[in-house]
Amino acid sequence: MGKVTFLPSGKSVKARPGQTLVRLAGNARVVIPQRCGGHASCLMCRVVVESGELAAPTALELRKMPEQDLRQGIRLACQAKTTNSDCTVRIPESRLKSVVAAALERQRMENEE
């Protein structure tokens, strides 16, 4: 049994081989955005494997993801499955969230002046 750590939250969860990252994230109360219910059609659940390993990409993942992304460790969390090895995956921050966070920080700085 391996362990999956989700960044940036740092939450970890034990994983049996063959479990998807989306399911494990739900168990750890970590949100991975998705709209398609795990069918690899929305491509919103991309994560970056920072260390460790996952099972080889599924046929569906190979069809949907650019080969360059897969080489760089970018996987679809709805398709990527665990092995017996530990791994760490980063959930990229949504663009909207980062824009809102920057605006709030600017407003906070202005209020302090």
N, C-alpha and C. Protein backbone atom coordinates (compact mmCIF):
# COMPACT_ATOMS: atom_id res chain seq x y z
N MET A 1 0.86 -1.18 0.00
CA MET A 1 0.00 0.00 0.00
C MET A 1 0.90 1.23 0.00
N GLY A 2 0.59 2.18 -0.89
CA GLY A 2 1.36 3.41 -0.97
C GLY A 2 0.62 4.56 -0.33
N LYS A 3 1.23 5.72 -0.43
CA LYS A 3 0.65 6.94 0.13
C LYS A 3 0.70 8.01 -0.95
N VAL A 4 -0.38 8.77 -1.08
CA VAL A 4 -0.42 9.88 -2.02
C VAL A 4 -0.52 11.17 -1.22
N THR A 5 0.35 12.12 -1.53
CA THR A 5 0.34 13.43 -0.90
C THR A 5 -0.09 14.45 -1.93
N PHE A 6 -1.07 15.27 -1.56
CA PHE A 6 -1.58 16.30 -2.46
C PHE A 6 -1.02 17.66 -2.05
N LEU A 7 -0.45 18.35 -3.01
CA LEU A 7 0.05 19.71 -2.79
C LEU A 7 -0.87 20.67 -3.50
N PRO A 8 -1.09 21.88 -3.07
CA PRO A 8 -0.37 22.55 -2.01
C PRO A 8 -0.91 22.28 -0.61
N SER A 9 -1.96 21.52 -0.45
CA SER A 9 -2.55 21.33 0.89
C SER A 9 -1.66 20.52 1.82
N GLY A 10 -0.86 19.62 1.25
CA GLY A 10 -0.01 18.76 2.07
C GLY A 10 -0.73 17.57 2.67
N LYS A 11 -1.99 17.39 2.34
CA LYS A 11 -2.75 16.25 2.89
C LYS A 11 -2.31 14.96 2.22
N SER A 12 -2.24 13.92 3.02
CA SER A 12 -1.82 12.60 2.53
C SER A 12 -2.91 11.58 2.83
N VAL A 13 -2.94 10.55 2.00
CA VAL A 13 -3.91 9.47 2.20
C VAL A 13 -3.27 8.17 1.73
N LYS A 14 -3.57 7.08 2.45
CA LYS A 14 -3.08 5.77 2.04
C LYS A 14 -3.86 5.32 0.82
N ALA A 15 -3.17 4.60 -0.07
CA ALA A 15 -3.81 4.21 -1.32
C ALA A 15 -3.51 2.77 -1.68
N ARG A 16 -4.56 2.04 -2.02
CA ARG A 16 -4.38 0.71 -2.57
C ARG A 16 -4.06 0.85 -4.06
N PRO A 17 -3.30 -0.06 -4.63
CA PRO A 17 -3.01 0.02 -6.06
C PRO A 17 -4.29 0.02 -6.89
N GLY A 18 -4.33 0.86 -7.91
CA GLY A 18 -5.47 0.90 -8.82
C GLY A 18 -6.51 1.95 -8.51
N GLN A 19 -6.35 2.69 -7.42
CA GLN A 19 -7.31 3.75 -7.10
C GLN A 19 -6.97 5.01 -7.89
N THR A 20 -8.00 5.74 -8.33
CA THR A 20 -7.74 6.97 -9.07
C THR A 20 -7.42 8.11 -8.10
N LEU A 21 -6.70 9.09 -8.61
CA LEU A 21 -6.34 10.25 -7.79
C LEU A 21 -7.57 11.04 -7.38
N VAL A 22 -8.58 11.12 -8.26
CA VAL A 22 -9.80 11.85 -7.92
C VAL A 22 -10.48 11.22 -6.71
N ARG A 23 -10.58 9.92 -6.71
CA ARG A 23 -11.23 9.22 -5.58
C ARG A 23 -10.44 9.44 -4.30
N LEU A 24 -9.12 9.32 -4.38
CA LEU A 24 -8.28 9.51 -3.20
C LEU A 24 -8.35 10.95 -2.69
N ALA A 25 -8.39 11.90 -3.61
CA ALA A 25 -8.50 13.31 -3.21
C ALA A 25 -9.80 13.52 -2.45
N GLY A 26 -10.88 12.94 -2.93
CA GLY A 26 -12.16 13.04 -2.23
C GLY A 26 -12.07 12.47 -0.82
N ASN A 27 -11.36 11.34 -0.68
CA ASN A 27 -11.18 10.73 0.65
C ASN A 27 -10.40 11.65 1.58
N ALA A 28 -9.47 12.42 1.01
CA ALA A 28 -8.63 13.33 1.81
C ALA A 28 -9.26 14.72 1.93
N ARG A 29 -10.47 14.88 1.39
CA ARG A 29 -11.15 16.17 1.37
C ARG A 29 -10.34 17.24 0.66
N VAL A 30 -9.74 16.83 -0.45
CA VAL A 30 -8.98 17.73 -1.32
C VAL A 30 -9.78 17.87 -2.61
N VAL A 31 -9.97 19.09 -3.06
CA VAL A 31 -10.78 19.34 -4.25
C VAL A 31 -9.90 19.31 -5.50
N ILE A 32 -10.26 18.45 -6.44
CA ILE A 32 -9.67 18.47 -7.77
C ILE A 32 -10.82 18.81 -8.70
N PRO A 33 -10.77 19.98 -9.35
CA PRO A 33 -11.88 20.39 -10.21
C PRO A 33 -12.13 19.39 -11.33
N GLN A 34 -13.39 19.13 -11.60
CA GLN A 34 -13.79 18.28 -12.73
C GLN A 34 -15.26 18.50 -13.02
N ARG A 35 -15.63 18.29 -14.26
CA ARG A 35 -17.03 18.46 -14.66
C ARG A 35 -17.61 17.21 -15.29
N CYS A 36 -16.75 16.32 -15.74
CA CYS A 36 -17.23 15.21 -16.58
C CYS A 36 -17.51 13.92 -15.81
N GLY A 37 -17.32 13.95 -14.50
CA GLY A 37 -17.58 12.74 -13.72
C GLY A 37 -16.58 11.63 -13.93
N GLY A 38 -15.36 11.98 -14.31
CA GLY A 38 -14.31 10.98 -14.45
C GLY A 38 -14.21 10.32 -15.81
N HIS A 39 -14.76 10.95 -16.84
CA HIS A 39 -14.74 10.37 -18.19
C HIS A 39 -13.67 10.96 -19.10
N ALA A 40 -12.79 11.78 -18.53
CA ALA A 40 -11.67 12.40 -19.26
C ALA A 40 -12.13 13.27 -20.42
N SER A 41 -13.30 13.84 -20.31
CA SER A 41 -13.77 14.69 -21.40
C SER A 41 -13.59 16.17 -21.13
N CYS A 42 -13.54 16.59 -19.86
CA CYS A 42 -13.42 18.02 -19.58
C CYS A 42 -11.95 18.46 -19.43
N LEU A 43 -11.07 17.53 -19.12
CA LEU A 43 -9.63 17.78 -18.96
C LEU A 43 -9.32 18.80 -17.86
N MET A 44 -10.25 18.99 -16.92
CA MET A 44 -10.05 19.96 -15.84
C MET A 44 -9.21 19.40 -14.70
N CYS A 45 -9.10 18.10 -14.60
CA CYS A 45 -8.49 17.48 -13.43
C CYS A 45 -7.00 17.21 -13.60
N ARG A 46 -6.33 18.01 -14.40
CA ARG A 46 -4.89 17.81 -14.60
C ARG A 46 -4.14 18.06 -13.31
N VAL A 47 -3.20 17.18 -13.03
CA VAL A 47 -2.32 17.33 -11.88
C VAL A 47 -0.89 17.07 -12.35
N VAL A 48 0.06 17.49 -11.55
CA VAL A 48 1.47 17.29 -11.88
C VAL A 48 2.08 16.32 -10.87
N VAL A 49 2.65 15.25 -11.37
CA VAL A 49 3.32 14.28 -10.50
C VAL A 49 4.69 14.85 -10.16
N GLU A 50 4.89 15.21 -8.90
CA GLU A 50 6.15 15.82 -8.48
C GLU A 50 7.18 14.79 -8.06
N SER A 51 6.73 13.68 -7.48
CA SER A 51 7.65 12.61 -7.11
C SER A 51 6.88 11.31 -7.03
N GLY A 52 7.63 10.21 -7.08
CA GLY A 52 7.00 8.91 -7.02
C GLY A 52 6.48 8.49 -8.38
N GLU A 53 5.62 7.51 -8.37
CA GLU A 53 5.10 7.02 -9.65
C GLU A 53 3.65 6.61 -9.55
N LEU A 54 3.01 6.67 -10.70
CA LEU A 54 1.64 6.20 -10.86
C LEU A 54 1.66 5.10 -11.91
N ALA A 55 0.55 4.41 -12.06
CA ALA A 55 0.43 3.40 -13.10
C ALA A 55 0.55 4.07 -14.47
N ALA A 56 0.88 3.29 -15.47
CA ALA A 56 1.00 3.82 -16.83
C ALA A 56 -0.32 4.47 -17.25
N PRO A 57 -0.25 5.49 -18.10
CA PRO A 57 -1.49 6.15 -18.56
C PRO A 57 -2.45 5.16 -19.21
N THR A 58 -3.74 5.37 -18.97
CA THR A 58 -4.77 4.54 -19.60
C THR A 58 -4.86 4.89 -21.08
N ALA A 59 -5.50 4.04 -21.85
CA ALA A 59 -5.68 4.30 -23.29
C ALA A 59 -6.43 5.61 -23.50
N LEU A 60 -7.43 5.87 -22.67
CA LEU A 60 -8.20 7.10 -22.77
C LEU A 60 -7.32 8.31 -22.47
N GLU A 61 -6.49 8.20 -21.45
CA GLU A 61 -5.59 9.29 -21.10
C GLU A 61 -4.57 9.54 -22.22
N LEU A 62 -4.06 8.47 -22.81
CA LEU A 62 -3.12 8.61 -23.93
C LEU A 62 -3.77 9.31 -25.12
N ARG A 63 -5.04 9.04 -25.33
CA ARG A 63 -5.76 9.65 -26.45
C ARG A 63 -6.06 11.12 -26.19
N LYS A 64 -6.36 11.49 -24.94
CA LYS A 64 -6.78 12.85 -24.61
C LYS A 64 -5.63 13.82 -24.32
N MET A 65 -4.56 13.32 -23.75
CA MET A 65 -3.47 14.18 -23.29
C MET A 65 -2.36 14.28 -24.32
N PRO A 66 -1.81 15.49 -24.51
CA PRO A 66 -0.65 15.62 -25.39
C PRO A 66 0.53 14.81 -24.84
N GLU A 67 1.28 14.20 -25.72
CA GLU A 67 2.41 13.37 -25.31
C GLU A 67 3.42 14.18 -24.50
N GLN A 68 3.62 15.43 -24.86
CA GLN A 68 4.56 16.29 -24.15
C GLN A 68 4.13 16.48 -22.69
N ASP A 69 2.82 16.67 -22.46
CA ASP A 69 2.32 16.82 -21.09
C ASP A 69 2.60 15.56 -20.26
N LEU A 70 2.33 14.41 -20.86
CA LEU A 70 2.57 13.15 -20.14
C LEU A 70 4.05 12.99 -19.80
N ARG A 71 4.95 13.38 -20.73
CA ARG A 71 6.39 13.30 -20.45
C ARG A 71 6.79 14.21 -19.30
N GLN A 72 6.07 15.33 -19.14
CA GLN A 72 6.37 16.28 -18.07
C GLN A 72 5.70 15.91 -16.75
N GLY A 73 5.01 14.78 -16.71
CA GLY A 73 4.38 14.33 -15.48
C GLY A 73 2.99 14.89 -15.24
N ILE A 74 2.39 15.46 -16.28
CA ILE A 74 1.02 15.97 -16.15
C ILE A 74 0.07 14.83 -16.47
N ARG A 75 -0.84 14.58 -15.55
CA ARG A 75 -1.78 13.46 -15.69
C ARG A 75 -3.20 13.93 -15.41
N LEU A 76 -4.16 13.15 -15.87
CA LEU A 76 -5.57 13.40 -15.56
C LEU A 76 -5.89 12.63 -14.29
N ALA A 77 -6.30 13.35 -13.25
CA ALA A 77 -6.55 12.71 -11.95
C ALA A 77 -7.69 11.70 -12.00
N CYS A 78 -8.60 11.87 -12.96
CA CYS A 78 -9.71 10.92 -13.06
C CYS A 78 -9.29 9.60 -13.69
N GLN A 79 -8.13 9.60 -14.34
CA GLN A 79 -7.64 8.39 -15.01
C GLN A 79 -6.40 7.81 -14.34
N ALA A 80 -5.55 8.66 -13.77
CA ALA A 80 -4.29 8.23 -13.18
C ALA A 80 -4.54 7.35 -11.96
N LYS A 81 -3.91 6.19 -11.96
CA LYS A 81 -4.13 5.22 -10.87
C LYS A 81 -2.85 4.99 -10.09
N THR A 82 -3.04 4.68 -8.82
CA THR A 82 -1.92 4.47 -7.92
C THR A 82 -1.28 3.11 -8.12
N THR A 83 -0.06 3.00 -7.59
CA THR A 83 0.67 1.73 -7.52
C THR A 83 0.96 1.49 -6.05
N ASN A 84 1.88 0.59 -5.76
CA ASN A 84 2.29 0.37 -4.37
C ASN A 84 3.25 1.45 -3.89
N SER A 85 3.70 2.31 -4.79
CA SER A 85 4.68 3.35 -4.45
C SER A 85 4.01 4.60 -3.92
N ASP A 86 4.74 5.33 -3.09
CA ASP A 86 4.28 6.65 -2.64
C ASP A 86 4.44 7.63 -3.79
N CYS A 87 3.60 8.65 -3.80
CA CYS A 87 3.77 9.70 -4.79
C CYS A 87 3.23 11.02 -4.24
N THR A 88 3.71 12.09 -4.84
CA THR A 88 3.27 13.43 -4.49
C THR A 88 2.77 14.09 -5.76
N VAL A 89 1.56 14.64 -5.70
CA VAL A 89 0.99 15.32 -6.88
C VAL A 89 0.59 16.74 -6.50
N ARG A 90 0.80 17.64 -7.43
CA ARG A 90 0.43 19.04 -7.23
C ARG A 90 -0.83 19.33 -8.03
N ILE A 91 -1.80 19.93 -7.35
CA ILE A 91 -3.03 20.37 -8.00
C ILE A 91 -2.82 21.83 -8.36
N PRO A 92 -2.74 22.14 -9.66
CA PRO A 92 -2.50 23.53 -10.04
C PRO A 92 -3.63 24.43 -9.56
N GLU A 93 -3.26 25.63 -9.15
CA GLU A 93 -4.26 26.60 -8.70
C GLU A 93 -5.04 27.09 -9.91
N SER A 94 -6.34 27.24 -9.76
CA SER A 94 -7.15 27.72 -10.87
C SER A 94 -6.80 29.17 -11.16
N ARG A 95 -6.89 29.56 -12.43
CA ARG A 95 -6.57 30.93 -12.81
C ARG A 95 -7.48 31.93 -12.12
N LEU A 96 -8.76 31.61 -12.04
CA LEU A 96 -9.70 32.51 -11.40
C LEU A 96 -9.34 32.72 -9.93
N LYS A 97 -9.00 31.64 -9.25
CA LYS A 97 -8.64 31.74 -7.84
C LYS A 97 -7.40 32.61 -7.66
N SER A 98 -6.41 32.46 -8.54
CA SER A 98 -5.19 33.27 -8.40
C SER A 98 -5.45 34.73 -8.69
N VAL A 99 -6.34 35.05 -9.63
CA VAL A 99 -6.69 36.44 -9.93
C VAL A 99 -7.42 37.07 -8.74
N VAL A 100 -8.36 36.35 -8.16
CA VAL A 100 -9.10 36.85 -7.01
C VAL A 100 -8.16 37.05 -5.82
N ALA A 101 -7.26 36.10 -5.59
CA ALA A 101 -6.32 36.21 -4.47
C ALA A 101 -5.42 37.43 -4.65
N ALA A 102 -4.96 37.69 -5.86
CA ALA A 102 -4.11 38.84 -6.12
C ALA A 102 -4.88 40.14 -5.89
N ALA A 103 -6.14 40.19 -6.32
CA ALA A 103 -6.96 41.39 -6.13
C ALA A 103 -7.20 41.64 -4.64
N LEU A 104 -7.47 40.59 -3.88
CA LEU A 104 -7.68 40.73 -2.44
C LEU A 104 -6.40 41.21 -1.75
N GLU A 105 -5.27 40.70 -2.18
CA GLU A 105 -4.00 41.12 -1.59
C GLU A 105 -3.73 42.60 -1.90
N ARG A 106 -4.00 43.02 -3.13
CA ARG A 106 -3.84 44.44 -3.49
C ARG A 106 -4.73 45.32 -2.63
N GLN A 107 -5.98 44.90 -2.44
CA GLN A 107 -6.93 45.66 -1.63
C GLN A 107 -6.45 45.73 -0.18
N ARG A 108 -5.93 44.64 0.35
CA ARG A 108 -5.42 44.61 1.72
C ARG A 108 -4.25 45.58 1.86
N MET A 109 -3.36 45.59 0.88
CA MET A 109 -2.20 46.49 0.92
C MET A 109 -2.64 47.95 0.87
N GLU A 110 -3.63 48.24 0.04
CA GLU A 110 -4.14 49.62 -0.07
C GLU A 110 -4.78 50.06 1.25
N ASN A 111 -5.49 49.16 1.91
CA ASN A 111 -6.15 49.49 3.18
C ASN A 111 -5.15 49.74 4.30
N GLU A 112 -3.97 49.11 4.22
CA GLU A 112 -2.96 49.28 5.23
C GLU A 112 -2.23 50.63 5.10
N GLU A 113 -2.25 51.21 3.91
CA GLU A 113 -1.54 52.47 3.67
C GLU A 113 -2.24 53.66 4.21
